[in-house]
Amino acid sequence: MREMVVIGTGLAGRVIADALRGPEVTLAGFLSADLPPDGWPYPVLGAPEDAPGLSRDGRGFIVAADSLKDREAVVRAFPELGYQAVIHPAAHVAADAVVEPGAYIGAGAVVGTGASIGAHSVIGEGSIVGALSRIEPYCELLARVNIGHEVTVKDHTFIGHSATLKDKITIAAGTVIQTGEIVVKDMVMKMVYKRGAWIYKENGPGER
């Protein structure tokens, strides 16, 4: 059985812990730079700086962070760790789909045939990634996002709850798509999509 260490004890950590209960994977514990919240129900093994020592026992790692920026910062600080994907037992991932290291697929999510999920990306509960679509690294899809077929979502993109991307479009790196929006055409530069309109996005990739 594979043991996993989760870096981060926020809400994202609880969500990932719920997925680590299948027959082939178990939760070893958490690493946190801060004291966990009161009533935290899982073992805390130390601080993130302790990760290299824990990796010597063959454990896998995944980063639980509440923002793309924080997730990338942890990976950059500890690039040598054996990051592994976590797929919730209630998710469905097609046999020929690719899920890269450090990605998380939530409960009820569907990843279609030929699709790919980039490293350290998050696919939220009930979200759908259509056939042959590509989600690049460090993207976050919240719950119930619907990605059509043959869609490309470039790196560091954030997509809010219940948003929809129609088939065969490309979304530029660093884009933010707000909750419930419907996107029907390509976006070639980083923007915020809100109330049916694109707004220029000044902050850098991974910031939101």
Protein backbone atom coordinates (compact mmCIF):
# COMPACT_ATOMS: atom_id res chain seq x y z
CA MET A 1 0.00 0.00 0.00
CA ARG A 2 1.31 3.44 -0.95
CA GLU A 3 1.61 6.04 1.83
CA MET A 4 0.96 9.69 1.01
CA VAL A 5 2.08 12.83 2.84
CA VAL A 6 -0.02 15.96 2.33
CA ILE A 7 1.71 19.34 2.61
CA GLY A 8 -0.78 21.85 4.04
CA THR A 9 -3.54 21.57 6.65
CA GLY A 10 -6.23 23.91 5.32
CA LEU A 11 -9.54 23.04 3.69
CA ALA A 12 -7.73 21.67 0.64
CA GLY A 13 -5.91 19.25 2.94
CA ARG A 14 -9.15 17.90 4.35
CA VAL A 15 -10.51 17.37 0.85
CA ILE A 16 -7.43 15.41 -0.21
CA ALA A 17 -7.45 13.35 3.00
CA ASP A 18 -10.96 12.17 2.15
CA ALA A 19 -9.63 10.75 -1.12
CA LEU A 20 -6.80 8.81 0.54
CA ARG A 21 -8.90 5.88 1.69
CA GLY A 22 -8.77 3.47 -1.22
CA PRO A 23 -7.35 -0.07 -1.19
CA GLU A 24 -4.01 0.99 -2.69
CA VAL A 25 -3.26 4.25 -0.89
CA THR A 26 -3.32 5.53 2.67
CA LEU A 27 -2.67 8.81 4.47
CA ALA A 28 0.63 8.87 6.35
CA GLY A 29 0.00 12.37 7.70
CA PHE A 30 0.40 16.08 7.09
CA LEU A 31 3.20 18.61 7.04
CA SER A 32 2.34 22.17 8.02
CA ALA A 33 4.25 25.39 8.60
CA ASP A 34 1.53 26.49 11.04
CA LEU A 35 -0.37 24.83 13.84
CA PRO A 36 -3.36 22.96 12.39
CA PRO A 37 -6.86 24.20 13.24
CA ASP A 38 -8.43 23.12 16.53
CA GLY A 39 -9.85 19.64 16.28
CA TRP A 40 -7.66 18.66 13.32
CA PRO A 41 -8.33 14.90 13.03
CA TYR A 42 -5.20 13.77 11.17
CA PRO A 43 -1.58 13.19 12.26
CA VAL A 44 0.86 16.05 11.71
CA LEU A 45 4.34 14.71 11.00
CA GLY A 46 6.20 18.02 11.12
CA ALA A 47 6.87 21.08 8.99
CA PRO A 48 7.38 21.19 5.21
CA GLU A 49 11.13 21.32 5.82
CA ASP A 50 10.88 17.74 7.14
CA ALA A 51 9.64 16.43 3.79
CA PRO A 52 13.02 15.32 2.36
CA GLY A 53 13.59 13.03 5.33
CA LEU A 54 10.16 11.45 4.98
CA SER A 55 10.69 10.86 1.28
CA ARG A 56 13.49 8.40 1.98
CA ASP A 57 10.90 5.81 3.00
CA GLY A 58 9.32 5.89 -0.45
CA ARG A 59 6.29 7.97 0.52
CA GLY A 60 4.45 10.02 -2.08
CA PHE A 61 3.64 13.72 -1.66
CA ILE A 62 0.91 16.09 -2.75
CA VAL A 63 0.51 19.80 -2.00
CA ALA A 64 -2.77 21.02 -0.49
CA ALA A 65 -2.89 24.80 -0.85
CA ASP A 66 -5.79 27.21 -1.12
CA SER A 67 -4.23 29.15 -4.02
CA LEU A 68 -2.28 28.33 -7.16
CA LYS A 69 0.49 30.68 -6.06
CA ASP A 70 0.99 28.89 -2.74
CA ARG A 71 0.91 25.46 -4.38
CA GLU A 72 3.62 26.41 -6.85
CA ALA A 73 5.76 27.99 -4.13
CA VAL A 74 5.85 24.72 -2.18
CA VAL A 75 6.76 22.68 -5.26
CA ARG A 76 9.53 25.12 -6.17
CA ALA A 77 10.89 24.94 -2.61
CA PHE A 78 10.94 21.11 -2.64
CA PRO A 79 11.28 20.02 -6.28
CA GLU A 80 12.96 16.73 -5.41
CA LEU A 81 9.98 15.15 -3.64
CA GLY A 82 8.15 12.23 -5.19
CA TYR A 83 4.92 14.03 -6.05
CA GLN A 84 2.06 11.74 -6.97
CA ALA A 85 -1.46 12.27 -8.23
CA VAL A 86 -4.44 11.61 -5.97
CA ILE A 87 -7.71 10.48 -7.55
CA HIS A 88 -10.78 10.27 -5.34
CA PRO A 89 -12.33 6.77 -5.33
CA ALA A 90 -15.61 8.31 -6.51
CA ALA A 91 -14.02 9.96 -9.57
CA HIS A 92 -13.96 8.39 -13.03
CA VAL A 93 -10.80 8.70 -15.12
CA ALA A 94 -10.73 7.11 -18.56
CA ALA A 95 -8.22 4.31 -19.02
CA ASP A 96 -6.23 6.27 -21.61
CA ALA A 97 -6.37 9.64 -19.82
CA VAL A 98 -3.13 11.03 -18.36
CA VAL A 99 -2.97 12.47 -14.84
CA GLU A 100 0.43 13.97 -14.08
CA PRO A 101 2.22 13.96 -10.69
CA GLY A 102 0.79 16.14 -7.94
CA ALA A 103 -2.63 16.56 -9.56
CA TYR A 104 -5.85 15.99 -7.63
CA ILE A 105 -9.14 14.68 -9.08
CA GLY A 106 -12.13 15.22 -6.78
CA ALA A 107 -15.15 13.09 -5.94
CA GLY A 108 -17.59 12.67 -8.81
CA ALA A 109 -15.26 14.26 -11.35
CA VAL A 110 -15.01 12.75 -14.83
CA VAL A 111 -11.89 12.86 -17.01
CA GLY A 112 -12.72 11.74 -20.53
CA THR A 113 -10.90 9.53 -22.96
CA GLY A 114 -7.61 10.92 -24.22
CA ALA A 115 -7.73 13.88 -21.83
CA SER A 116 -4.72 15.01 -19.80
CA ILE A 117 -4.44 16.74 -16.42
CA GLY A 118 -1.21 18.64 -15.82
CA ALA A 119 1.04 18.40 -12.80
CA HIS A 120 -0.26 20.01 -9.59
CA SER A 121 -3.63 20.89 -11.12
CA VAL A 122 -6.91 20.45 -9.24
CA ILE A 123 -10.14 19.13 -10.75
CA GLY A 124 -12.94 19.87 -8.29
CA GLU A 125 -15.88 17.75 -7.21
CA GLY A 126 -18.27 16.87 -10.01
CA SER A 127 -16.26 18.63 -12.72
CA ILE A 128 -16.06 17.17 -16.22
CA VAL A 129 -13.03 17.30 -18.51
CA GLY A 130 -14.15 16.21 -21.96
CA ALA A 131 -12.47 13.82 -24.35
CA LEU A 132 -9.09 14.92 -25.76
CA SER A 133 -9.04 18.06 -23.62
CA ARG A 134 -5.82 19.22 -21.99
CA ILE A 135 -5.51 20.94 -18.62
CA GLU A 136 -1.96 22.23 -18.24
CA PRO A 137 0.02 22.37 -14.94
CA TYR A 138 -1.04 24.55 -12.01
CA CYS A 139 -4.66 24.98 -13.04
CA GLU A 140 -7.61 24.88 -10.67
CA LEU A 141 -11.16 23.95 -11.58
CA LEU A 142 -13.63 24.35 -8.74
CA ALA A 143 -16.72 22.17 -8.35
CA ARG A 144 -19.03 21.29 -11.25
CA VAL A 145 -16.98 22.92 -14.01
CA ASN A 146 -17.84 21.56 -17.46
CA ILE A 147 -14.96 21.44 -19.95
CA GLY A 148 -16.02 20.40 -23.45
CA HIS A 149 -14.17 18.17 -25.90
CA GLU A 150 -10.76 19.10 -27.35
CA VAL A 151 -10.35 22.13 -25.09
CA THR A 152 -6.92 23.40 -24.05
CA VAL A 153 -6.63 25.22 -20.72
CA LYS A 154 -3.17 26.74 -20.41
CA ASP A 155 -1.16 26.78 -17.19
CA HIS A 156 -2.08 28.79 -14.08
CA THR A 157 -5.73 29.18 -15.07
CA PHE A 158 -8.45 29.41 -12.41
CA ILE A 159 -12.04 28.42 -13.26
CA GLY A 160 -14.86 29.10 -10.80
CA HIS A 161 -17.77 26.89 -9.77
CA SER A 162 -20.17 25.70 -12.49
CA ALA A 163 -18.42 27.50 -15.35
CA THR A 164 -18.68 25.96 -18.83
CA LEU A 165 -16.13 25.92 -21.65
CA LYS A 166 -17.49 24.92 -25.04
CA ASP A 167 -15.73 22.44 -27.36
CA LYS A 168 -12.48 23.12 -29.23
CA ILE A 169 -11.39 26.37 -27.61
CA THR A 170 -8.10 27.45 -26.01
CA ILE A 171 -7.80 29.47 -22.80
CA ALA A 172 -4.61 31.49 -22.29
CA ALA A 173 -2.27 30.96 -19.36
CA GLY A 174 -3.11 32.87 -16.19
CA THR A 175 -6.77 33.42 -17.07
CA VAL A 176 -9.48 33.68 -14.40
CA ILE A 177 -13.01 32.57 -15.32
CA GLN A 178 -15.61 33.50 -12.74
CA THR A 179 -18.35 31.31 -11.27
CA GLY A 180 -21.09 30.24 -13.66
CA GLU A 181 -19.62 31.83 -16.78
CA ILE A 182 -20.02 30.24 -20.24
CA VAL A 183 -17.03 30.61 -22.57
CA VAL A 184 -17.55 29.88 -26.27
CA LYS A 185 -14.40 31.20 -27.99
CA ASP A 186 -10.61 31.27 -27.62
CA MET A 187 -8.83 33.53 -25.16
CA VAL A 188 -5.34 34.38 -26.40
CA MET A 189 -4.05 36.49 -23.49
CA LYS A 190 -4.55 36.31 -19.74
CA MET A 191 -7.83 37.94 -18.75
CA VAL A 192 -10.65 37.75 -16.24
CA TYR A 193 -13.95 36.54 -17.71
CA LYS A 194 -16.81 38.02 -15.70
CA ARG A 195 -20.46 38.67 -16.57
CA GLY A 196 -19.90 37.63 -20.16
CA ALA A 197 -17.02 40.05 -20.80
CA TRP A 198 -13.22 39.81 -20.82
CA ILE A 199 -11.36 42.19 -18.50
CA TYR A 200 -7.59 42.71 -18.70
CA LYS A 201 -5.77 40.85 -15.91
CA GLU A 202 -2.74 42.73 -14.56
CA ASN A 203 -1.46 40.30 -11.93
CA GLY A 204 0.87 37.47 -12.84
CA PRO A 205 0.19 33.78 -13.44
CA GLY A 206 -0.92 31.92 -10.35
CA GLU A 207 -2.13 35.03 -8.51
CA ARG A 208 -5.77 35.47 -7.66
